[in-house]
Protein backbone atom coordinates (compact mmCIF):
# COMPACT_ATOMS: atom_id res chain seq x y z
CA MET A 1 179.24 -6.62 78.90
CA GLU A 2 176.25 -6.22 80.58
CA HIS A 3 174.02 -5.64 77.41
CA ALA A 4 175.26 -8.42 75.89
CA SER A 5 174.74 -10.85 78.70
CA ARG A 6 171.20 -9.92 79.45
CA ARG A 7 168.15 -11.71 78.38
CA ASP A 8 164.35 -10.58 77.14
CA GLU A 9 161.51 -12.56 77.94
CA THR A 10 162.46 -15.12 75.50
CA GLY A 11 165.39 -16.16 76.79
CA VAL A 12 167.65 -14.72 73.92
CA SER A 13 170.34 -12.24 74.53
CA PRO A 14 169.22 -9.09 72.48
CA ALA A 15 172.51 -8.29 71.13
CA ALA A 16 172.63 -12.34 70.16
CA CYS A 17 169.17 -11.21 67.96
CA ASP A 18 170.36 -8.27 66.22
CA ALA A 19 174.06 -9.90 65.47
CA ALA A 20 171.76 -12.72 64.01
CA LEU A 21 169.62 -10.24 62.23
CA ALA A 22 172.25 -8.11 60.88
CA ALA A 23 174.12 -11.15 59.20
CA GLU A 24 171.15 -11.49 56.97
CA THR A 25 170.58 -10.81 53.40
CA PRO A 26 166.86 -10.00 52.31
CA GLN A 27 165.97 -12.53 49.36
CA TYR A 28 162.73 -10.88 48.60
CA ARG A 29 162.00 -13.09 45.44
CA LEU A 30 158.69 -15.86 45.51
CA THR A 31 159.37 -19.20 45.22
CA ALA A 32 157.09 -22.18 44.09
CA LYS A 33 159.37 -24.70 46.15
CA ALA A 34 157.30 -22.95 49.36
CA GLY A 35 155.25 -25.78 50.50
CA PRO A 36 152.69 -23.64 52.36
CA LEU A 37 151.93 -21.65 49.59
CA TRP A 38 150.40 -24.75 48.32
CA ALA A 39 148.42 -25.72 51.39
CA MET A 40 147.21 -22.17 51.43
CA LEU A 41 146.42 -22.56 47.56
CA SER A 42 144.57 -25.69 48.35
CA VAL A 43 142.31 -24.82 51.29
CA HIS A 44 141.57 -21.40 49.14
CA LEU A 45 140.49 -23.91 46.24
CA GLY A 46 138.36 -26.07 48.50
CA ALA A 47 136.66 -23.35 50.36
CA LEU A 48 135.01 -22.53 46.50
CA LEU A 49 133.55 -26.07 46.52
CA ALA A 50 131.21 -24.25 49.57
CA PHE A 51 129.02 -23.14 46.39
CA LEU A 52 128.34 -26.66 45.47
CA PRO A 53 124.92 -27.96 46.18
CA ALA A 54 126.66 -31.16 47.81
CA ALA A 55 128.78 -28.59 50.29
CA ALA A 56 125.55 -26.96 51.34
CA PRO A 57 126.24 -26.41 54.88
CA THR A 58 123.29 -27.58 57.84
CA ARG A 59 122.99 -25.59 61.00
CA GLY A 60 124.80 -27.91 62.37
CA ILE A 61 127.91 -28.18 60.19
CA LEU A 62 128.15 -24.05 60.29
CA LEU A 63 128.37 -24.86 64.21
CA PHE A 64 131.50 -27.19 63.61
CA ALA A 65 133.14 -24.80 61.06
CA LEU A 66 132.80 -22.45 63.64
CA GLY A 67 134.11 -24.14 66.31
CA THR A 68 137.09 -24.89 64.40
CA PHE A 69 137.68 -21.49 63.68
CA ALA A 70 137.70 -20.44 67.29
CA VAL A 71 139.50 -23.23 68.77
CA ARG A 72 142.74 -22.88 66.16
CA THR A 73 142.20 -19.10 66.22
CA PHE A 74 142.90 -19.03 69.94
CA CYS A 75 145.88 -21.65 70.02
CA VAL A 76 147.15 -19.02 66.95
CA SER A 77 146.62 -16.12 69.22
CA ALA A 78 147.38 -17.29 72.67
CA GLY A 79 149.87 -20.24 71.61
CA PHE A 80 151.72 -19.08 68.71
CA HIS A 81 151.58 -15.17 69.23
CA ARG A 82 151.63 -14.50 72.96
CA TYR A 83 153.07 -17.91 74.47
CA PHE A 84 155.80 -18.98 71.95
CA SER A 85 156.79 -15.12 70.50
CA HIS A 86 156.50 -13.23 73.98
CA ARG A 87 156.72 -16.02 76.35
CA ALA A 88 153.43 -13.91 78.46
CA PHE A 89 152.93 -17.01 80.73
CA ARG A 90 153.86 -20.25 81.61
CA THR A 91 152.65 -23.50 81.28
CA THR A 92 152.91 -27.33 81.25
CA ARG A 93 154.71 -29.34 78.59
CA LEU A 94 151.42 -30.96 77.42
CA VAL A 95 149.52 -27.74 77.03
CA GLN A 96 152.80 -26.48 75.43
CA PHE A 97 152.51 -29.18 72.87
CA LEU A 98 148.91 -28.96 72.61
CA LEU A 99 149.04 -25.24 71.34
CA ALA A 100 151.58 -25.91 69.00
CA PHE A 101 149.79 -29.10 67.45
CA ILE A 102 146.31 -27.57 67.19
CA GLY A 103 147.55 -24.28 65.88
CA GLY A 104 149.73 -26.17 63.41
CA MET A 105 145.92 -26.93 61.82
CA ALA A 106 145.64 -23.13 61.27
CA VAL A 107 148.05 -23.20 57.89
CA MET A 108 149.86 -20.83 59.87
CA ARG A 109 153.15 -23.56 59.42
CA SER A 110 154.35 -24.65 62.91
CA ALA A 111 154.72 -22.79 66.19
CA LEU A 112 158.54 -22.49 65.50
CA TRP A 113 158.49 -21.10 62.45
CA TRP A 114 155.93 -18.86 63.52
CA ALA A 115 157.15 -17.57 66.42
CA SER A 116 160.40 -17.02 65.06
CA GLN A 117 159.26 -14.61 61.84
CA HIS A 118 157.11 -13.05 64.43
CA ARG A 119 160.13 -12.07 66.56
CA ARG A 120 161.63 -10.69 63.54
CA HIS A 121 159.00 -8.47 63.69
CA HIS A 122 159.36 -6.98 66.70
CA LYS A 123 163.12 -6.22 65.93
CA ARG A 124 162.83 -4.90 62.45
CA ALA A 125 159.53 -3.52 62.73
CA ASP A 126 158.03 -1.11 59.94
CA GLN A 127 161.76 -1.17 58.88
CA GLU A 128 164.25 -3.69 56.67
CA GLY A 129 164.68 -6.74 57.93
CA ASP A 130 160.76 -6.93 59.05
CA PRO A 131 159.26 -9.86 57.38
CA HIS A 132 156.55 -8.54 56.02
CA ALA A 133 157.11 -4.88 55.76
CA PRO A 134 154.04 -2.53 55.12
CA TRP A 135 155.64 -0.30 53.38
CA ARG A 136 156.62 -2.92 50.28
CA GLY A 137 152.80 -3.28 49.35
CA PHE A 138 149.45 -4.35 50.44
CA LEU A 139 149.77 -7.44 49.11
CA TRP A 140 153.08 -8.32 49.81
CA SER A 141 152.28 -7.67 53.78
CA HIS A 142 149.20 -8.95 53.63
CA CYS A 143 150.08 -12.82 52.03
CA LEU A 144 152.96 -12.59 49.60
CA TRP A 145 155.89 -12.43 52.01
CA PHE A 146 154.24 -15.98 53.43
CA ALA A 147 156.00 -17.55 50.08
CA THR A 148 159.26 -15.67 49.82
CA VAL A 149 162.75 -17.13 49.43
CA ASP A 150 164.00 -14.79 52.77
CA ASN A 151 161.35 -16.15 54.90
CA GLN A 152 161.12 -20.28 54.69
CA PRO A 153 163.22 -21.02 57.19
CA VAL A 154 162.60 -20.98 60.99
CA ARG A 155 165.21 -18.62 62.76
CA MET A 156 166.65 -20.98 65.31
CA GLU A 157 168.75 -18.73 66.65
CA LEU A 158 165.54 -16.31 67.45
CA MET A 159 163.77 -19.68 69.28
CA ARG A 160 166.60 -20.99 71.37
CA ASP A 161 164.21 -20.99 74.32
CA PHE A 162 161.71 -23.37 72.36
CA SER A 163 164.15 -25.81 70.23
CA SER A 164 165.16 -27.91 73.06
CA TYR A 165 161.81 -29.21 72.57
CA PRO A 166 162.03 -32.51 70.77
CA GLU A 167 158.46 -32.73 70.03
CA LEU A 168 158.09 -29.04 69.33
CA VAL A 169 161.03 -29.79 66.47
CA TRP A 170 159.45 -32.47 64.98
CA LEU A 171 156.44 -30.97 64.41
CA ASP A 172 158.32 -27.88 62.66
CA ARG A 173 159.87 -30.68 60.26
CA HIS A 174 156.44 -32.40 60.10
CA GLU A 175 154.40 -29.23 59.66
CA TRP A 176 151.75 -31.31 57.24
CA PHE A 177 150.66 -33.51 60.35
CA PRO A 178 148.68 -31.75 62.35
CA LEU A 179 147.11 -30.29 58.95
CA ALA A 180 146.43 -34.14 57.63
CA VAL A 181 144.65 -34.77 61.21
CA PHE A 182 142.50 -31.50 60.83
CA VAL A 183 141.21 -32.85 57.40
CA VAL A 184 140.42 -36.55 58.61
CA PHE A 185 139.03 -34.93 61.61
CA CYS A 186 136.61 -32.82 59.69
CA TYR A 187 135.82 -35.21 57.02
CA ALA A 188 134.97 -37.73 59.66
CA VAL A 189 132.71 -35.15 61.78
CA GLY A 190 131.08 -33.78 58.66
CA GLY A 191 131.80 -35.49 55.57
CA PHE A 192 132.12 -33.36 52.39
CA ALA A 193 130.57 -30.24 53.67
CA GLY A 194 132.28 -30.99 56.60
CA TRP A 195 135.29 -30.64 55.12
CA VAL A 196 134.53 -27.92 52.85
CA TRP A 197 133.42 -25.53 56.00
CA GLY A 198 135.17 -26.75 58.91
CA ALA A 199 138.79 -27.59 57.27
CA ASN A 200 138.32 -24.81 54.08
CA VAL A 201 136.13 -22.12 54.51
CA SER A 202 137.12 -21.28 58.35
CA SER A 203 140.81 -21.88 57.19
CA VAL A 204 140.69 -18.93 54.74
CA VAL A 205 138.70 -16.63 56.92
CA LEU A 206 141.61 -17.35 59.87
CA CYS A 207 144.13 -16.75 57.75
CA HIS A 208 143.13 -13.24 55.84
CA ALA A 209 142.22 -12.42 59.52
CA THR A 210 145.58 -13.09 60.70
CA PHE A 211 147.28 -11.76 57.81
CA ALA A 212 145.42 -8.27 58.03
CA LEU A 213 147.44 -7.95 61.08
CA ASN A 214 150.10 -7.33 59.06
CA SER A 215 148.65 -5.52 56.60
CA ILE A 216 146.10 -3.04 57.63
CA THR A 217 147.08 -2.78 61.74
CA HIS A 218 150.33 -1.10 60.50
CA ARG A 219 148.51 1.17 58.14
CA PHE A 220 145.01 2.18 59.20
CA GLY A 221 143.29 2.67 62.61
CA ARG A 222 144.00 4.58 65.55
CA ARG A 223 146.84 4.73 67.77
CA ARG A 224 146.74 5.20 71.08
CA TYR A 225 150.81 5.17 71.82
CA SER A 226 153.06 7.21 69.77
CA ILE A 227 155.73 4.77 68.74
CA SER A 228 158.56 4.14 66.35
CA ASP A 229 156.52 1.35 64.37
CA HIS A 230 153.06 2.03 62.61
CA SER A 231 150.96 -0.46 64.59
CA THR A 232 147.40 0.77 65.42
CA ASN A 233 144.46 -0.96 66.67
CA VAL A 234 141.28 -1.83 64.37
CA LEU A 235 138.31 -3.29 66.24
CA PRO A 236 136.73 -5.84 63.39
CA ILE A 237 140.42 -7.39 63.23
CA ALA A 238 140.62 -7.80 67.23
CA LEU A 239 137.29 -9.56 66.98
CA LEU A 240 138.36 -11.73 64.54
CA THR A 241 141.48 -12.45 65.95
CA PHE A 242 140.33 -12.68 69.61
CA GLY A 243 142.08 -9.89 70.65
CA GLU A 244 145.11 -9.53 68.13
CA GLY A 245 143.78 -6.41 66.68
CA TRP A 246 144.68 -4.74 69.54
CA HIS A 247 148.04 -3.78 67.46
CA ASN A 248 149.38 -0.94 68.78
CA ASN A 249 148.68 -1.79 72.39
CA HIS A 250 150.68 -4.41 71.72
CA HIS A 251 153.70 -3.35 70.23
CA ARG A 252 153.57 -1.22 72.99
CA TRP A 253 153.86 -3.38 75.72
CA PRO A 254 155.03 -6.73 73.46
CA GLY A 255 155.09 -8.90 76.41
CA LYS A 256 151.47 -8.91 78.34
CA ALA A 257 149.42 -11.58 77.98
CA ARG A 258 146.79 -9.36 77.90
CA LEU A 259 146.28 -7.01 74.50
CA GLY A 260 143.30 -4.91 74.75
CA GLU A 261 143.07 -2.50 77.49
CA GLY A 262 139.86 -1.39 79.10
CA ALA A 263 136.10 -2.79 78.80
CA ARG A 264 135.68 -1.08 75.40
CA GLU A 265 138.96 -3.83 73.78
CA PRO A 266 137.11 -7.16 73.79
CA ASP A 267 140.49 -9.17 74.15
CA ILE A 268 138.97 -13.14 74.17
CA SER A 269 142.42 -14.52 73.91
CA TYR A 270 142.94 -13.13 77.14
CA TRP A 271 139.83 -14.02 78.86
CA GLY A 272 140.58 -17.78 77.98
CA ILE A 273 144.01 -17.58 79.00
CA TRP A 274 142.59 -16.25 82.59
CA LEU A 275 140.34 -19.18 82.42
CA MET A 276 143.51 -21.57 82.13
CA GLU A 277 145.45 -19.72 84.89
CA LYS A 278 142.14 -20.20 86.87
CA LEU A 279 142.07 -23.74 86.34
CA GLY A 280 145.63 -24.24 87.14
CA LEU A 281 146.93 -24.82 82.79
CA VAL A 282 148.68 -21.95 82.75
CA TRP A 283 150.39 -19.50 85.25
CA GLY A 284 153.07 -16.84 85.67
CA VAL A 285 150.81 -14.66 83.55
CA ARG A 286 152.16 -11.08 82.57
CA ARG A 287 149.98 -8.53 82.72
């Protein structure tokens, strides 16, 4: 009885999570009805337009693209992952919404969907039921899992700590809205080239860097901790994803806001969280 009533950092009882996941019948079929699949294909096609003379980037456009990459990567890393998935810190409702809204511009779907899939991953890491299990193949764990029947719904039973916020539920039901705002913003700032580089090229890099956490950091790299799954630490991916590539560290201490351990493991997202804490925007940072 004691175990069943206990709650982890997400506020959801382990027994409820286990029961919900055990009741699932995985369907590993790809589906063309996956709306995010078409959004992903669109940004890839848009990125190919970078070879056109009309999309030739100026220095300002390249800096703009780097900025859109950095801001959205931080919101996925610190927001979708460390906050919405693991409750590694606390914040105001406004900052919570901004992390969800700006993160929703990253072609990674909504905060509720992303976090629910990630919580499934931690409950079944590298086992049956892991939404992007690496033993199903590199391409599967990298991106095909994103467009399967089984992985389309939000697992609301795993997100009861955040599903009570109507603005987050609205963003989940209208996940196209942040993307549309982002496209209009990029075009308004930089015209055609701004859209190609700021919205498409940067999104392709962001998406594949994030997907590499599933496909590469559960296959290759070094392991500081000997744990039940196959998570590893990979420096290049950690740099691209603002610290997420210290994946073995994270699987050993999933609730921590800081993934990099020591000066040789830079963790840009943690530095951002530290700065936000100093500014009073977040508190209760779990170290």
